Amino acid sequence: MNLTVKAGLLSALLFPGAGQWLLKKHLRAAIFAVAAGIPLYYIMDITMTQTQLMVDKVLRSRSNLDIENIAALVNQQMVNIDTQGVQFATFALLCVWVINILDAIKLARKHAD
């Protein structure tokens, strides 16, 4: 497998910055990793917080714990989610990831010359 393919695949499938790290561009790799890590952390934080709140509501409810009651409690909790922030963070993560892949491929081609 040539260096261009390897750097592109590492950046695409592992984590942003992995292809740059392979090419010994450590500062660039760190920048991409941090740029991807911030929105990823935000998404995971919101997800875990909302999940914990939903679980707490289900456990605190004294009614029958059937699927319909649980679904109703989950739907009530979904109203409180910051969807605009999560959507922005998801879009930012996607942009960083795509730019990272293109950068790794470009660096690998430059490195091969």
Protein backbone atom coordinates (compact mmCIF):
# COMPACT_ATOMS: atom_id res chain seq x y z
CA MET A 1 0.00 0.00 0.00
CA ASN A 2 1.50 3.32 -1.01
CA LEU A 3 1.95 6.23 1.37
CA THR A 4 -0.85 8.35 -0.10
CA VAL A 5 -3.45 5.63 0.40
CA LYS A 6 -2.15 4.76 3.87
CA ALA A 7 -2.20 8.39 5.06
CA GLY A 8 -5.67 8.95 3.62
CA LEU A 9 -7.06 5.78 5.17
CA LEU A 10 -5.54 6.50 8.57
CA SER A 11 -7.03 9.98 8.56
CA ALA A 12 -10.40 8.74 7.34
CA LEU A 13 -10.82 5.62 9.45
CA LEU A 14 -8.81 6.16 12.63
CA PHE A 15 -8.97 9.79 13.74
CA PRO A 16 -8.11 13.18 12.25
CA GLY A 17 -4.38 13.76 12.41
CA ALA A 18 -3.38 10.09 12.12
CA GLY A 19 -2.26 10.46 8.49
CA GLN A 20 -0.29 13.60 9.30
CA TRP A 21 1.34 11.81 12.24
CA LEU A 22 2.41 9.02 9.89
CA LEU A 23 4.00 11.63 7.63
CA LYS A 24 5.91 13.10 10.62
CA LYS A 25 3.90 16.33 10.59
CA HIS A 26 3.21 16.20 14.32
CA LEU A 27 2.08 19.80 14.84
CA ARG A 28 -0.41 19.51 12.00
CA ALA A 29 -1.60 16.18 13.40
CA ALA A 30 -2.13 17.73 16.82
CA ILE A 31 -4.06 20.66 15.35
CA PHE A 32 -6.41 18.32 13.46
CA ALA A 33 -6.82 16.05 16.47
CA VAL A 34 -7.74 18.95 18.76
CA ALA A 35 -9.99 20.52 16.10
CA ALA A 36 -11.89 17.22 15.85
CA GLY A 37 -11.76 16.47 19.56
CA ILE A 38 -13.54 19.65 20.67
CA PRO A 39 -16.81 19.11 18.75
CA LEU A 40 -16.64 15.37 19.44
CA TYR A 41 -16.35 16.07 23.17
CA TYR A 42 -19.32 18.46 23.00
CA ILE A 43 -21.47 15.89 21.18
CA MET A 44 -20.54 13.13 23.62
CA ASP A 45 -21.10 15.39 26.64
CA ILE A 46 -24.60 16.36 25.51
CA THR A 47 -25.42 12.74 24.62
CA MET A 48 -24.24 11.32 27.93
CA THR A 49 -25.90 14.06 29.99
CA GLN A 50 -29.24 13.67 28.25
CA THR A 51 -29.05 9.88 28.46
CA GLN A 52 -28.38 10.04 32.19
CA LEU A 53 -31.28 12.45 32.68
CA MET A 54 -33.58 10.10 30.75
CA VAL A 55 -32.48 7.10 32.80
CA ASP A 56 -33.00 9.05 36.03
CA LYS A 57 -36.52 10.05 34.96
CA VAL A 58 -37.40 6.46 34.09
CA LEU A 59 -36.07 5.18 37.40
CA ARG A 60 -37.84 7.92 39.41
CA SER A 61 -41.20 7.35 37.78
CA ARG A 62 -43.38 5.19 39.97
CA SER A 63 -45.68 4.18 37.14
CA ASN A 64 -45.53 0.96 35.20
CA LEU A 65 -42.27 0.67 33.34
CA ASP A 66 -43.62 -0.46 30.03
CA ILE A 67 -42.28 0.63 26.67
CA GLU A 68 -45.00 3.25 26.14
CA ASN A 69 -44.30 5.05 29.43
CA ILE A 70 -40.57 4.94 28.81
CA ALA A 71 -41.09 6.32 25.28
CA ALA A 72 -43.21 9.15 26.68
CA LEU A 73 -40.51 10.04 29.22
CA VAL A 74 -37.84 9.95 26.53
CA ASN A 75 -39.91 12.21 24.26
CA GLN A 76 -40.35 14.70 27.11
CA GLN A 77 -36.59 14.78 27.65
CA MET A 78 -35.86 15.18 23.94
CA VAL A 79 -37.48 18.63 24.03
CA ASN A 80 -34.66 19.87 26.28
CA ILE A 81 -31.81 18.87 23.97
CA ASP A 82 -29.78 21.66 22.36
CA THR A 83 -30.24 20.37 18.82
CA GLN A 84 -28.81 23.46 17.16
CA GLY A 85 -25.56 23.16 19.12
CA VAL A 86 -25.28 19.45 18.40
CA GLN A 87 -25.96 20.01 14.71
CA PHE A 88 -23.30 22.73 14.55
CA ALA A 89 -20.78 20.53 16.37
CA THR A 90 -21.57 17.62 14.04
CA PHE A 91 -21.11 19.82 10.98
CA ALA A 92 -17.83 21.20 12.37
CA LEU A 93 -16.57 17.67 13.08
CA LEU A 94 -17.49 16.54 9.58
CA CYS A 95 -15.74 19.54 8.00
CA VAL A 96 -12.58 19.00 10.05
CA TRP A 97 -12.58 15.31 9.16
CA VAL A 98 -12.94 15.91 5.40
CA ILE A 99 -10.32 18.69 5.36
CA ASN A 100 -8.02 16.41 7.35
CA ILE A 101 -8.35 13.58 4.80
CA LEU A 102 -7.66 15.92 1.88
CA ASP A 103 -4.68 17.42 3.71
CA ALA A 104 -3.20 13.99 4.50
CA ILE A 105 -3.50 12.94 0.86
CA LYS A 106 -1.93 16.21 -0.32
CA LEU A 107 0.95 15.87 2.15
CA ALA A 108 1.54 12.25 1.18
CA ARG A 109 1.70 13.14 -2.52
CA LYS A 110 4.08 15.99 -1.76
CA HIS A 111 6.16 13.66 0.40
CA ALA A 112 6.33 11.07 -2.39
CA ASP A 113 7.76 13.58 -4.89
